[in-house]
PDB file of N, CA and C in Angstrom:
ATOM      1  N   MET A   1     125.930  84.997  69.773  1.00  0.00           N
ATOM      2  CA  MET A   1     126.194  85.678  71.029  1.00  0.00           C
ATOM      3  C   MET A   1     125.752  84.782  72.183  1.00  0.00           C
ATOM      4  N   LYS A   2     126.621  84.607  73.152  1.00  0.00           N
ATOM      5  CA  LYS A   2     126.343  83.727  74.279  1.00  0.00           C
ATOM      6  C   LYS A   2     125.574  84.467  75.361  1.00  0.00           C
ATOM      7  N   ASN A   3     124.620  83.782  75.981  1.00  0.00           N
ATOM      8  CA  ASN A   3     123.836  84.357  77.065  1.00  0.00           C
ATOM      9  C   ASN A   3     124.523  84.039  78.392  1.00  0.00           C
ATOM     10  N   TYR A   4     125.120  85.050  79.031  1.00  0.00           N
ATOM     11  CA  TYR A   4     125.842  84.845  80.284  1.00  0.00           C
ATOM     12  C   TYR A   4     124.899  84.952  81.472  1.00  0.00           C
ATOM     13  N   LYS A   5     125.139  84.111  82.470  1.00  0.00           N
ATOM     14  CA  LYS A   5     124.343  84.161  83.689  1.00  0.00           C
ATOM     15  C   LYS A   5     124.890  85.264  84.596  1.00  0.00           C
ATOM     16  N   ASN A   6     124.001  85.771  85.434  1.00  0.00           N
ATOM     17  CA  ASN A   6     124.394  86.767  86.410  1.00  0.00           C
ATOM     18  C   ASN A   6     125.406  86.155  87.375  1.00  0.00           C
ATOM     19  N   LYS A   7     126.362  86.942  87.811  1.00  0.00           N
ATOM     20  CA  LYS A   7     127.437  86.463  88.678  1.00  0.00           C
ATOM     21  C   LYS A   7     126.915  85.758  89.932  1.00  0.00           C
ATOM     22  N   TYR A   8     125.865  86.322  90.549  1.00  0.00           N
ATOM     23  CA  TYR A   8     125.324  85.730  91.782  1.00  0.00           C
ATOM     24  C   TYR A   8     124.015  84.978  91.542  1.00  0.00           C
ATOM     25  N   ARG A   9     123.639  84.793  90.286  1.00  0.00           N
ATOM     26  CA  ARG A   9     122.445  84.052  89.864  1.00  0.00           C
ATOM     27  C   ARG A   9     121.127  84.665  90.334  1.00  0.00           C
ATOM     28  N   ASN A  10     121.150  85.949  90.655  1.00  0.00           N
ATOM     29  CA  ASN A  10     119.910  86.630  91.003  1.00  0.00           C
ATOM     30  C   ASN A  10     119.276  87.176  89.729  1.00  0.00           C
ATOM     31  N   LYS A  11     117.979  87.397  89.784  1.00  0.00           N
ATOM     32  CA  LYS A  11     117.270  87.936  88.626  1.00  0.00           C
ATOM     33  C   LYS A  11     116.829  89.349  88.941  1.00  0.00           C
ATOM     34  N   LYS A  12     117.305  90.298  88.142  1.00  0.00           N
ATOM     35  CA  LYS A  12     116.922  91.690  88.340  1.00  0.00           C
ATOM     36  C   LYS A  12     115.450  91.852  87.985  1.00  0.00           C
ATOM     37  N   VAL A  13     114.777  92.755  88.709  1.00  0.00           N
ATOM     38  CA  VAL A  13     113.339  92.949  88.555  1.00  0.00           C
ATOM     39  C   VAL A  13     113.055  94.443  88.470  1.00  0.00           C
ATOM     40  N   ILE A  14     112.153  94.835  87.565  1.00  0.00           N
ATOM     41  CA  ILE A  14     111.736  96.228  87.469  1.00  0.00           C
ATOM     42  C   ILE A  14     110.339  96.344  88.082  1.00  0.00           C
ATOM     43  N   TYR A  15     110.190  97.316  88.998  1.00  0.00           N
ATOM     44  CA  TYR A  15     108.909  97.564  89.653  1.00  0.00           C
ATOM     45  C   TYR A  15     108.772  99.067  89.827  1.00  0.00           C
ATOM     46  N   LYS A  16     107.679  99.627  89.300  1.00  0.00           N
ATOM     47  CA  LYS A  16     107.424 101.071  89.368  1.00  0.00           C
ATOM     48  C   LYS A  16     108.618 101.877  88.847  1.00  0.00           C
ATOM     49  N   ASN A  17     109.133 101.467  87.698  1.00  0.00           N
ATOM     50  CA  ASN A  17     110.254 102.130  87.022  1.00  0.00           C
ATOM     51  C   ASN A  17     111.547 102.133  87.834  1.00  0.00           C
ATOM     52  N   GLU A  18     111.685 101.235  88.764  1.00  0.00           N
ATOM     53  CA  GLU A  18     112.891 101.118  89.583  1.00  0.00           C
ATOM     54  C   GLU A  18     113.462  99.724  89.384  1.00  0.00           C
ATOM     55  N   LEU A  19     114.779  99.635  89.183  1.00  0.00           N
ATOM     56  CA  LEU A  19     115.444  98.350  88.990  1.00  0.00           C
ATOM     57  C   LEU A  19     115.919  97.817  90.335  1.00  0.00           C
ATOM     58  N   PHE A  20     115.510  96.603  90.660  1.00  0.00           N
ATOM     59  CA  PHE A  20     115.920  95.946  91.899  1.00  0.00           C
ATOM     60  C   PHE A  20     116.826  94.786  91.544  1.00  0.00           C
ATOM     61  N   ASP A  21     117.812  94.524  92.396  1.00  0.00           N
ATOM     62  CA  ASP A  21     118.820  93.513  92.110  1.00  0.00           C
ATOM     63  C   ASP A  21     118.321  92.083  92.234  1.00  0.00           C
ATOM     64  N   SER A  22     117.223  91.879  92.962  1.00  0.00           N
ATOM     65  CA  SER A  22     116.725  90.517  93.130  1.00  0.00           C
ATOM     66  C   SER A  22     115.253  90.531  93.510  1.00  0.00           C
ATOM     67  N   LYS A  23     114.629  89.368  93.393  1.00  0.00           N
ATOM     68  CA  LYS A  23     113.236  89.213  93.805  1.00  0.00           C
ATOM     69  C   LYS A  23     113.110  89.385  95.321  1.00  0.00           C
ATOM     70  N   ALA A  24     114.094  88.907  96.069  1.00  0.00           N
ATOM     71  CA  ALA A  24     114.080  89.042  97.531  1.00  0.00           C
ATOM     72  C   ALA A  24     114.103  90.517  97.929  1.00  0.00           C
ATOM     73  N   GLU A  25     114.933  91.293  97.250  1.00  0.00           N
ATOM     74  CA  GLU A  25     115.013  92.726  97.532  1.00  0.00           C
ATOM     75  C   GLU A  25     113.662  93.385  97.289  1.00  0.00           C
ATOM     76  N   LEU A  26     113.038  93.082  96.146  1.00  0.00           N
ATOM     77  CA  LEU A  26     111.744  93.660  95.816  1.00  0.00           C
ATOM     78  C   LEU A  26     110.688  93.274  96.851  1.00  0.00           C
ATOM     79  N   LYS A  27     110.712  92.033  97.300  1.00  0.00           N
ATOM     80  CA  LYS A  27     109.747  91.565  98.310  1.00  0.00           C
ATOM     81  C   LYS A  27     109.845  92.404  99.580  1.00  0.00           C
ATOM     82  N   HIS A  28     111.053  92.650 100.057  1.00  0.00           N
ATOM     83  CA  HIS A  28     111.239  93.429 101.280  1.00  0.00           C
ATOM     84  C   HIS A  28     110.865  94.899 101.068  1.00  0.00           C
ATOM     85  N   ILE A  29     111.157  95.436  99.902  1.00  0.00           N
ATOM     86  CA  ILE A  29     110.797  96.823  99.596  1.00  0.00           C
ATOM     87  C   ILE A  29     109.271  96.965  99.564  1.00  0.00           C
ATOM     88  N   LYS A  30     108.591  96.013  98.957  1.00  0.00           N
ATOM     89  CA  LYS A  30     107.120  96.057  98.921  1.00  0.00           C
ATOM     90  C   LYS A  30     106.554  96.016 100.340  1.00  0.00           C
ATOM     91  N   ASN A  31     107.144  95.185 101.207  1.00  0.00           N
ATOM     92  CA  ASN A  31     106.690  95.128 102.601  1.00  0.00           C
ATOM     93  C   ASN A  31     106.871  96.480 103.294  1.00  0.00           C
ATOM     94  N   LEU A  32     107.999  97.148 103.018  1.00  0.00           N
ATOM     95  CA  LEU A  32     108.220  98.470 103.593  1.00  0.00           C
ATOM     96  C   LEU A  32     107.204  99.485 103.061  1.00  0.00           C
ATOM     97  N   MET A  33     106.860  99.381 101.780  1.00  0.00           N
ATOM     98  CA  MET A  33     105.864 100.288 101.193  1.00  0.00           C
ATOM     99  C   MET A  33     104.507 100.108 101.886  1.00  0.00           C
ATOM    100  N   ILE A  34     104.146  98.872 102.155  1.00  0.00           N
ATOM    101  CA  ILE A  34     102.880  98.590 102.852  1.00  0.00           C
ATOM    102  C   ILE A  34     102.935  99.151 104.269  1.00  0.00           C
ATOM    103  N   LYS A  35     104.056  98.944 104.967  1.00  0.00           N
ATOM    104  CA  LYS A  35     104.202  99.472 106.324  1.00  0.00           C
ATOM    105  C   LYS A  35     104.110 100.995 106.349  1.00  0.00           C
ATOM    106  N   GLU A  36     104.649 101.630 105.302  1.00  0.00           N
ATOM    107  CA  GLU A  36     104.564 103.090 105.239  1.00  0.00           C
ATOM    108  C   GLU A  36     103.120 103.532 105.022  1.00  0.00           C
ATOM    109  N   GLN A  37     102.394 102.840 104.146  1.00  0.00           N
ATOM    110  CA  GLN A  37     100.987 103.162 103.907  1.00  0.00           C
ATOM    111  C   GLN A  37     100.152 102.975 105.173  1.00  0.00           C
ATOM    112  N   GLN A  38     100.510 101.990 105.981  1.00  0.00           N
ATOM    113  CA  GLN A  38      99.771 101.707 107.209  1.00  0.00           C
ATOM    114  C   GLN A  38     100.219 102.593 108.371  1.00  0.00           C
ATOM    115  N   GLY A  39     101.276 103.381 108.183  1.00  0.00           N
ATOM    116  CA  GLY A  39     101.732 104.304 109.204  1.00  0.00           C
ATOM    117  C   GLY A  39     102.722 103.730 110.208  1.00  0.00           C
ATOM    118  N   PHE A  40     103.224 102.525 109.963  1.00  0.00           N
ATOM    119  CA  PHE A  40     104.190 101.921 110.883  1.00  0.00           C
ATOM    120  C   PHE A  40     105.595 102.496 110.713  1.00  0.00           C
ATOM    121  N   ILE A  41     105.923 102.945 109.508  1.00  0.00           N
ATOM    122  CA  ILE A  41     107.201 103.592 109.227  1.00  0.00           C
ATOM    123  C   ILE A  41     106.932 104.864 108.441  1.00  0.00           C
ATOM    124  N   SER A  42     107.935 105.721 108.335  1.00  0.00           N
ATOM    125  CA  SER A  42     107.793 106.946 107.534  1.00  0.00           C
ATOM    126  C   SER A  42     109.088 107.226 106.790  1.00  0.00           C
ATOM    127  N   SER A  43     109.030 108.188 105.905  1.00  0.00           N
ATOM    128  CA  SER A  43     110.202 108.680 105.156  1.00  0.00           C
ATOM    129  C   SER A  43     110.939 107.564 104.412  1.00  0.00           C
ATOM    130  N   LEU A  44     110.197 106.658 103.803  1.00  0.00           N
ATOM    131  CA  LEU A  44     110.811 105.565 103.040  1.00  0.00           C
ATOM    132  C   LEU A  44     111.505 106.134 101.806  1.00  0.00           C
ATOM    133  N   GLU A  45     112.758 105.773 101.652  1.00  0.00           N
ATOM    134  CA  GLU A  45     113.538 106.196 100.483  1.00  0.00           C
ATOM    135  C   GLU A  45     114.210 104.962  99.901  1.00  0.00           C
ATOM    136  N   ILE A  46     114.006 104.751  98.606  1.00  0.00           N
ATOM    137  CA  ILE A  46     114.576 103.594  97.916  1.00  0.00           C
ATOM    138  C   ILE A  46     115.953 103.979  97.374  1.00  0.00           C
ATOM    139  N   LYS A  47     116.932 103.129  97.626  1.00  0.00           N
ATOM    140  CA  LYS A  47     118.310 103.298  97.166  1.00  0.00           C
ATOM    141  C   LYS A  47     118.906 104.667  97.493  1.00  0.00           C
ATOM    142  N   PRO A  48     118.895 105.055  98.773  1.00  0.00           N
ATOM    143  CA  PRO A  48     119.545 106.314  99.143  1.00  0.00           C
ATOM    144  C   PRO A  48     121.063 106.176  99.040  1.00  0.00           C
ATOM    145  N   LYS A  49     121.727 107.274  98.848  1.00  0.00           N
ATOM    146  CA  LYS A  49     123.188 107.239  98.719  1.00  0.00           C
ATOM    147  C   LYS A  49     123.808 107.947  99.918  1.00  0.00           C
ATOM    148  N   TYR A  50     124.776 107.283 100.548  1.00  0.00           N
ATOM    149  CA  TYR A  50     125.474 107.829 101.699  1.00  0.00           C
ATOM    150  C   TYR A  50     126.952 108.017 101.355  1.00  0.00           C
ATOM    151  N   MET A  51     127.477 109.172 101.717  1.00  0.00           N
ATOM    152  CA  MET A  51     128.886 109.475 101.494  1.00  0.00           C
ATOM    153  C   MET A  51     129.705 108.832 102.616  1.00  0.00           C
ATOM    154  N   LEU A  52     130.684 108.029 102.252  1.00  0.00           N
ATOM    155  CA  LEU A  52     131.563 107.406 103.240  1.00  0.00           C
ATOM    156  C   LEU A  52     132.900 108.128 103.315  1.00  0.00           C
ATOM    157  N   GLN A  53     133.370 108.570 102.150  1.00  0.00           N
ATOM    158  CA  GLN A  53     134.610 109.358 102.109  1.00  0.00           C
ATOM    159  C   GLN A  53     134.546 110.251 100.878  1.00  0.00           C
ATOM    160  N   GLU A  54     134.817 111.529 101.071  1.00  0.00           N
ATOM    161  CA  GLU A  54     134.790 112.478  99.967  1.00  0.00           C
ATOM    162  C   GLU A  54     135.958 112.226  99.021  1.00  0.00           C
ATOM    163  N   SER A  55     135.815 112.699  97.810  1.00  0.00           N
ATOM    164  CA  SER A  55     136.921 112.600  96.854  1.00  0.00           C
ATOM    165  C   SER A  55     138.038 113.546  97.297  1.00  0.00           C
ATOM    166  N   PHE A  56     139.237 113.255  96.851  1.00  0.00           N
ATOM    167  CA  PHE A  56     140.383 114.089  97.209  1.00  0.00           C
ATOM    168  C   PHE A  56     141.492 113.880  96.189  1.00  0.00           C
ATOM    169  N   ARG A  57     142.543 114.658  96.324  1.00  0.00           N
ATOM    170  CA  ARG A  57     143.715 114.503  95.467  1.00  0.00           C
ATOM    171  C   ARG A  57     144.866 113.992  96.332  1.00  0.00           C
ATOM    172  N   ASP A  58     145.579 113.001  95.822  1.00  0.00           N
ATOM    173  CA  ASP A  58     146.713 112.468  96.584  1.00  0.00           C
ATOM    174  C   ASP A  58     147.904 113.412  96.480  1.00  0.00           C
ATOM    175  N   SER A  59     149.022 113.026  97.058  1.00  0.00           N
ATOM    176  CA  SER A  59     150.197 113.902  97.113  1.00  0.00           C
ATOM    177  C   SER A  59     150.771 114.220  95.733  1.00  0.00           C
ATOM    178  N   LYS A  60     150.435 113.406  94.730  1.00  0.00           N
ATOM    179  CA  LYS A  60     150.911 113.651  93.362  1.00  0.00           C
ATOM    180  C   LYS A  60     149.873 114.380  92.513  1.00  0.00           C
ATOM    181  N   GLY A  61     148.748 114.748  93.132  1.00  0.00           N
ATOM    182  CA  GLY A  61     147.710 115.480  92.409  1.00  0.00           C
ATOM    183  C   GLY A  61     146.686 114.599  91.709  1.00  0.00           C
ATOM    184  N   LYS A  62     146.809 113.295  91.859  1.00  0.00           N
ATOM    185  CA  LYS A  62     145.867 112.386  91.218  1.00  0.00           C
ATOM    186  C   LYS A  62     144.530 112.411  91.964  1.00  0.00           C
ATOM    187  N   ALA A  63     143.449 112.525  91.203  1.00  0.00           N
ATOM    188  CA  ALA A  63     142.116 112.560  91.798  1.00  0.00           C
ATOM    189  C   ALA A  63     141.713 111.159  92.273  1.00  0.00           C
ATOM    190  N   ILE A  64     141.256 111.082  93.507  1.00  0.00           N
ATOM    191  CA  ILE A  64     140.758 109.838  94.090  1.00  0.00           C
ATOM    192  C   ILE A  64     139.257 109.997  94.259  1.00  0.00           C
ATOM    193  N   ARG A  65     138.507 109.082  93.672  1.00  0.00           N
ATOM    194  CA  ARG A  65     137.050 109.175  93.715  1.00  0.00           C
ATOM    195  C   ARG A  65     136.489 108.961  95.118  1.00  0.00           C
ATOM    196  N   ALA A  66     135.336 109.530  95.344  1.00  0.00           N
ATOM    197  CA  ALA A  66     134.642 109.380  96.623  1.00  0.00           C
ATOM    198  C   ALA A  66     134.183 107.930  96.789  1.00  0.00           C
ATOM    199  N   ILE A  67     133.987 107.528  98.035  1.00  0.00           N
ATOM    200  CA  ILE A  67     133.435 106.208  98.341  1.00  0.00           C
ATOM    201  C   ILE A  67     132.021 106.431  98.860  1.00  0.00           C
ATOM    202  N   THR A  68     131.050 105.818  98.205  1.00  0.00           N
ATOM    203  CA  THR A  68     129.659 105.942  98.621  1.00  0.00           C
ATOM    204  C   THR A  68     129.088 104.561  98.933  1.00  0.00           C
ATOM    205  N   TYR A  69     127.971 104.574  99.613  1.00  0.00           N
ATOM    206  CA  TYR A  69     127.280 103.334  99.984  1.00  0.00           C
ATOM    207  C   TYR A  69     125.812 103.519  99.664  1.00  0.00           C
ATOM    208  N   THR A  70     125.223 102.566  98.952  1.00  0.00           N
ATOM    209  CA  THR A  70     123.826 102.646  98.562  1.00  0.00           C
ATOM    210  C   THR A  70     123.087 101.396  99.040  1.00  0.00           C
ATOM    211  N   PRO A  71     122.435 101.470 100.197  1.00  0.00           N
ATOM    212  CA  PRO A  71     121.650 100.329 100.665  1.00  0.00           C
ATOM    213  C   PRO A  71     120.337 100.252  99.892  1.00  0.00           C
ATOM    214  N   GLU A  72     119.561  99.208 100.158  1.00  0.00           N
ATOM    215  CA  GLU A  72     118.291  99.039  99.447  1.00  0.00           C
ATOM    216  C   GLU A  72     117.289 100.139  99.803  1.00  0.00           C
ATOM    217  N   ALA A  73     117.226 100.518 101.077  1.00  0.00           N
ATOM    218  CA  ALA A  73     116.234 101.514 101.492  1.00  0.00           C
ATOM    219  C   ALA A  73     116.637 102.144 102.816  1.00  0.00           C
ATOM    220  N   SER A  74     116.045 103.312 103.075  1.00  0.00           N
ATOM    221  CA  SER A  74     116.146 103.927 104.398  1.00  0.00           C
ATOM    222  C   SER A  74     114.732 104.328 104.803  1.00  0.00           C
ATOM    223  N   TYR A  75     114.503 104.345 106.117  1.00  0.00           N
ATOM    224  CA  TYR A  75     113.178 104.695 106.629  1.00  0.00           C
ATOM    225  C   TYR A  75     113.296 105.035 108.109  1.00  0.00           C
ATOM    226  N   ILE A  76     112.204 105.580 108.650  1.00  0.00           N
ATOM    227  CA  ILE A  76     112.160 105.894 110.079  1.00  0.00           C
ATOM    228  C   ILE A  76     111.102 105.007 110.716  1.00  0.00           C
ATOM    229  N   GLU A  77     111.500 104.335 111.800  1.00  0.00           N
ATOM    230  CA  GLU A  77     110.590 103.473 112.553  1.00  0.00           C
ATOM    231  C   GLU A  77     110.791 103.760 114.035  1.00  0.00           C
ATOM    232  N   ASN A  78     109.717 104.110 114.716  1.00  0.00           N
ATOM    233  CA  ASN A  78     109.784 104.450 116.147  1.00  0.00           C
ATOM    234  C   ASN A  78     110.847 105.516 116.423  1.00  0.00           C
ATOM    235  N   SER A  79     110.841 106.569 115.623  1.00  0.00           N
ATOM    236  CA  SER A  79     111.770 107.709 115.745  1.00  0.00           C
ATOM    237  C   SER A  79     113.233 107.339 115.519  1.00  0.00           C
ATOM    238  N   GLN A  80     113.509 106.150 114.987  1.00  0.00           N
ATOM    239  CA  GLN A  80     114.870 105.690 114.721  1.00  0.00           C
ATOM    240  C   GLN A  80     115.070 105.555 113.216  1.00  0.00           C
ATOM    241  N   LYS A  81     116.075 106.237 112.675  1.00  0.00           N
ATOM    242  CA  LYS A  81     116.389 106.079 111.254  1.00  0.00           C
ATOM    243  C   LYS A  81     117.076 104.736 111.058  1.00  0.00           C
ATOM    244  N   LYS A  82     116.627 104.005 110.040  1.00  0.00           N
ATOM    245  CA  LYS A  82     117.176 102.685 109.741  1.00  0.00           C
ATOM    246  C   LYS A  82     117.468 102.582 108.253  1.00  0.00           C
ATOM    247  N   ILE A  83     118.428 101.731 107.935  1.00  0.00           N
ATOM    248  CA  ILE A  83     118.660 101.395 106.538  1.00  0.00           C
ATOM    249  C   ILE A  83     118.529  99.889 106.395  1.00  0.00           C
ATOM    250  N   LEU A  84     118.067  99.474 105.230  1.00  0.00           N
ATOM    251  CA  LEU A  84     117.865  98.059 104.939  1.00  0.00           C
ATOM    252  C   LEU A  84     118.910  97.596 103.948  1.00  0.00           C
ATOM    253  N   GLU A  85     119.565  96.513 104.278  1.00  0.00           N
ATOM    254  CA  GLU A  85     120.543  95.883 103.387  1.00  0.00           C
ATOM    255  C   GLU A  85     120.183  94.413 103.278  1.00  0.00           C
ATOM    256  N   ILE A  86     119.956  93.954 102.055  1.00  0.00           N
ATOM    257  CA  ILE A  86     119.605  92.558 101.807  1.00  0.00           C
ATOM    258  C   ILE A  86     120.763  91.907 101.077  1.00  0.00           C
ATOM    259  N   LYS A  87     121.260  90.830 101.634  1.00  0.00           N
ATOM    260  CA  LYS A  87     122.409  90.145 101.049  1.00  0.00           C
ATOM    261  C   LYS A  87     122.170  88.646 101.042  1.00  0.00           C
ATOM    262  N   SER A  88     122.675  87.998  99.989  1.00  0.00           N
ATOM    263  CA  SER A  88     122.779  86.543 100.011  1.00  0.00           C
ATOM    264  C   SER A  88     124.220  86.252 100.412  1.00  0.00           C
ATOM    265  N   LYS A  89     124.484  85.071 100.900  1.00  0.00           N
ATOM    266  CA  LYS A  89     125.838  84.773 101.389  1.00  0.00           C
ATOM    267  C   LYS A  89     126.931  85.027 100.355  1.00  0.00           C
ATOM    268  N   PRO A  90     126.717  84.686  99.069  1.00  0.00           N
ATOM    269  CA  PRO A  90     127.801  84.958  98.101  1.00  0.00           C
ATOM    270  C   PRO A  90     128.067  86.446  97.870  1.00  0.00           C
ATOM    271  N   THR A  91     127.084  87.303  98.178  1.00  0.00           N
ATOM    272  CA  THR A  91     127.284  88.734  97.913  1.00  0.00           C
ATOM    273  C   THR A  91     127.906  89.474  99.094  1.00  0.00           C
ATOM    274  N   ILE A  92     128.227  88.761 100.156  1.00  0.00           N
ATOM    275  CA  ILE A  92     128.917  89.394 101.284  1.00  0.00           C
ATOM    276  C   ILE A  92     130.414  89.362 100.966  1.00  0.00           C
ATOM    277  N   THR A  93     130.830  90.346 100.208  1.00  0.00           N
ATOM    278  CA  THR A  93     132.213  90.431  99.738  1.00  0.00           C
ATOM    279  C   THR A  93     133.047  91.281 100.690  1.00  0.00           C
ATOM    280  N   ASP A  94     134.349  91.273 100.472  1.00  0.00           N
ATOM    281  CA  ASP A  94     135.233  92.137 101.256  1.00  0.00           C
ATOM    282  C   ASP A  94     134.877  93.605 101.051  1.00  0.00           C
ATOM    283  N   ALA A  95     134.531  93.973  99.821  1.00  0.00           N
ATOM    284  CA  ALA A  95     134.166  95.362  99.525  1.00  0.00           C
ATOM    285  C   ALA A  95     132.922  95.768 100.321  1.00  0.00           C
ATOM    286  N   TYR A  96     131.930  94.874 100.371  1.00  0.00           N
ATOM    287  CA  TYR A  96     130.723  95.174 101.159  1.00  0.00           C
ATOM    288  C   TYR A  96     131.070  95.311 102.639  1.00  0.00           C
ATOM    289  N   THR A  97     131.882  94.407 103.157  1.00  0.00           N
ATOM    290  CA  THR A  97     132.249  94.438 104.569  1.00  0.00           C
ATOM    291  C   THR A  97     132.950  95.746 104.933  1.00  0.00           C
ATOM    292  N   ILE A  98     133.832  96.223 104.063  1.00  0.00           N
ATOM    293  CA  ILE A  98     134.530  97.488 104.302  1.00  0.00           C
ATOM    294  C   ILE A  98     133.556  98.655 104.271  1.00  0.00           C
ATOM    295  N   ARG A  99     132.661  98.674 103.274  1.00  0.00           N
ATOM    296  CA  ARG A  99     131.668  99.754 103.189  1.00  0.00           C
ATOM    297  C   ARG A  99     130.772  99.762 104.425  1.00  0.00           C
ATOM    298  N   LYS A 100     130.380  98.584 104.868  1.00  0.00           N
ATOM    299  CA  LYS A 100     129.538  98.462 106.054  1.00  0.00           C
ATOM    300  C   LYS A 100     130.246  99.068 107.268  1.00  0.00           C
ATOM    301  N   LYS A 101     131.518  98.735 107.449  1.00  0.00           N
ATOM    302  CA  LYS A 101     132.279  99.280 108.584  1.00  0.00           C
ATOM    303  C   LYS A 101     132.414 100.799 108.484  1.00  0.00           C
ATOM    304  N   LEU A 102     132.703 101.297 107.297  1.00  0.00           N
ATOM    305  CA  LEU A 102     132.811 102.742 107.109  1.00  0.00           C
ATOM    306  C   LEU A 102     131.480 103.437 107.405  1.00  0.00           C
ATOM    307  N   PHE A 103     130.379 102.813 106.959  1.00  0.00           N
ATOM    308  CA  PHE A 103     129.056 103.369 107.207  1.00  0.00           C
ATOM    309  C   PHE A 103     128.768 103.434 108.708  1.00  0.00           C
ATOM    310  N   LEU A 104     129.000 102.317 109.410  1.00  0.00           N
ATOM    311  CA  LEU A 104     128.722 102.260 110.850  1.00  0.00           C
ATOM    312  C   LEU A 104     129.549 103.283 111.626  1.00  0.00           C
ATOM    313  N   LYS A 105     130.772 103.530 111.174  1.00  0.00           N
ATOM    314  CA  LYS A 105     131.636 104.521 111.822  1.00  0.00           C
ATOM    315  C   LYS A 105     131.140 105.948 111.568  1.00  0.00           C
ATOM    316  N   ARG A 106     130.777 106.226 110.321  1.00  0.00           N
ATOM    317  CA  ARG A 106     130.400 107.591 109.948  1.00  0.00           C
ATOM    318  C   ARG A 106     128.982 107.952 110.374  1.00  0.00           C
ATOM    319  N   TYR A 107     128.081 106.969 110.419  1.00  0.00           N
ATOM    320  CA  TYR A 107     126.677 107.211 110.756  1.00  0.00           C
ATOM    321  C   TYR A 107     126.259 106.351 111.955  1.00  0.00           C
ATOM    322  N   PRO A 108     126.803 106.611 113.140  1.00  0.00           N
ATOM    323  CA  PRO A 108     126.512 105.756 114.294  1.00  0.00           C
ATOM    324  C   PRO A 108     125.059 105.817 114.775  1.00  0.00           C
ATOM    325  N   ASP A 109     124.328 106.877 114.411  1.00  0.00           N
ATOM    326  CA  ASP A 109     122.946 107.019 114.863  1.00  0.00           C
ATOM    327  C   ASP A 109     121.936 106.327 113.950  1.00  0.00           C
ATOM    328  N   ILE A 110     122.404 105.761 112.831  1.00  0.00           N
ATOM    329  CA  ILE A 110     121.508 105.063 111.915  1.00  0.00           C
ATOM    330  C   ILE A 110     121.678 103.565 112.134  1.00  0.00           C
ATOM    331  N   GLU A 111     120.550 102.889 112.335  1.00  0.00           N
ATOM    332  CA  GLU A 111     120.588 101.442 112.575  1.00  0.00           C
ATOM    333  C   GLU A 111     120.609 100.683 111.249  1.00  0.00           C
ATOM    334  N   LEU A 112     121.514  99.738 111.145  1.00  0.00           N
ATOM    335  CA  LEU A 112     121.609  98.897 109.950  1.00  0.00           C
ATOM    336  C   LEU A 112     120.776  97.634 110.169  1.00  0.00           C
ATOM    337  N   VAL A 113     119.771  97.445 109.312  1.00  0.00           N
ATOM    338  CA  VAL A 113     118.958  96.234 109.342  1.00  0.00           C
ATOM    339  C   VAL A 113     119.449  95.362 108.196  1.00  0.00           C
ATOM    340  N   GLU A 114     120.140  94.314 108.545  1.00  0.00           N
ATOM    341  CA  GLU A 114     120.761  93.443 107.541  1.00  0.00           C
ATOM    342  C   GLU A 114     119.977  92.140 107.465  1.00  0.00           C
ATOM    343  N   ILE A 115     119.529  91.811 106.269  1.00  0.00           N
ATOM    344  CA  ILE A 115     118.806  90.559 106.050  1.00  0.00           C
ATOM    345  C   ILE A 115     119.651  89.681 105.152  1.00  0.00           C
ATOM    346  N   ILE A 116     120.019  88.511 105.647  1.00  0.00           N
ATOM    347  CA  ILE A 116     120.814  87.555 104.875  1.00  0.00           C
ATOM    348  C   ILE A 116     119.876  86.477 104.377  1.00  0.00           C
ATOM    349  N   THR A 117     119.819  86.318 103.046  1.00  0.00           N
ATOM    350  CA  THR A 117     118.912  85.315 102.461  1.00  0.00           C
ATOM    351  C   THR A 117     119.669  84.072 102.061  1.00  0.00           C
TER     352      THR A 117
END
C-alpha cells in the first residue's frame, strides 16, 4: 500500500480531541484560547458552521444540498463578532472564494479575519 501525501502538504493535528487541518491553524486557535482566558475575546467557538444557502428542490424535483461554510473559529472582540480563516496560498481555491463571497453577503455584520500563511 502506497503512502500518499496530503494534497496541500499540511499535517493534520489533534488537540483536545479536535482535528485541525494544519499546525498553523492550531497555533492561531491556541492564541485565541489564551486571549479568551485573559478576557480579550469572548464566545470562542471552534469550527462553527454557517448556512450560506438552504437546500431546495429544483424544477424537476431533484434535491439540491445546502451550501455551508465552516471557518476555523468565531469569537467576539470589542463587541464585534469575528470569524477566523487561515489559508495558505494553494488552498485559496475558486470554491473557497465563492463561499467567502456568499458569507460576506449573507453575514455583513460579521468581520472576516483572514490569515494567509
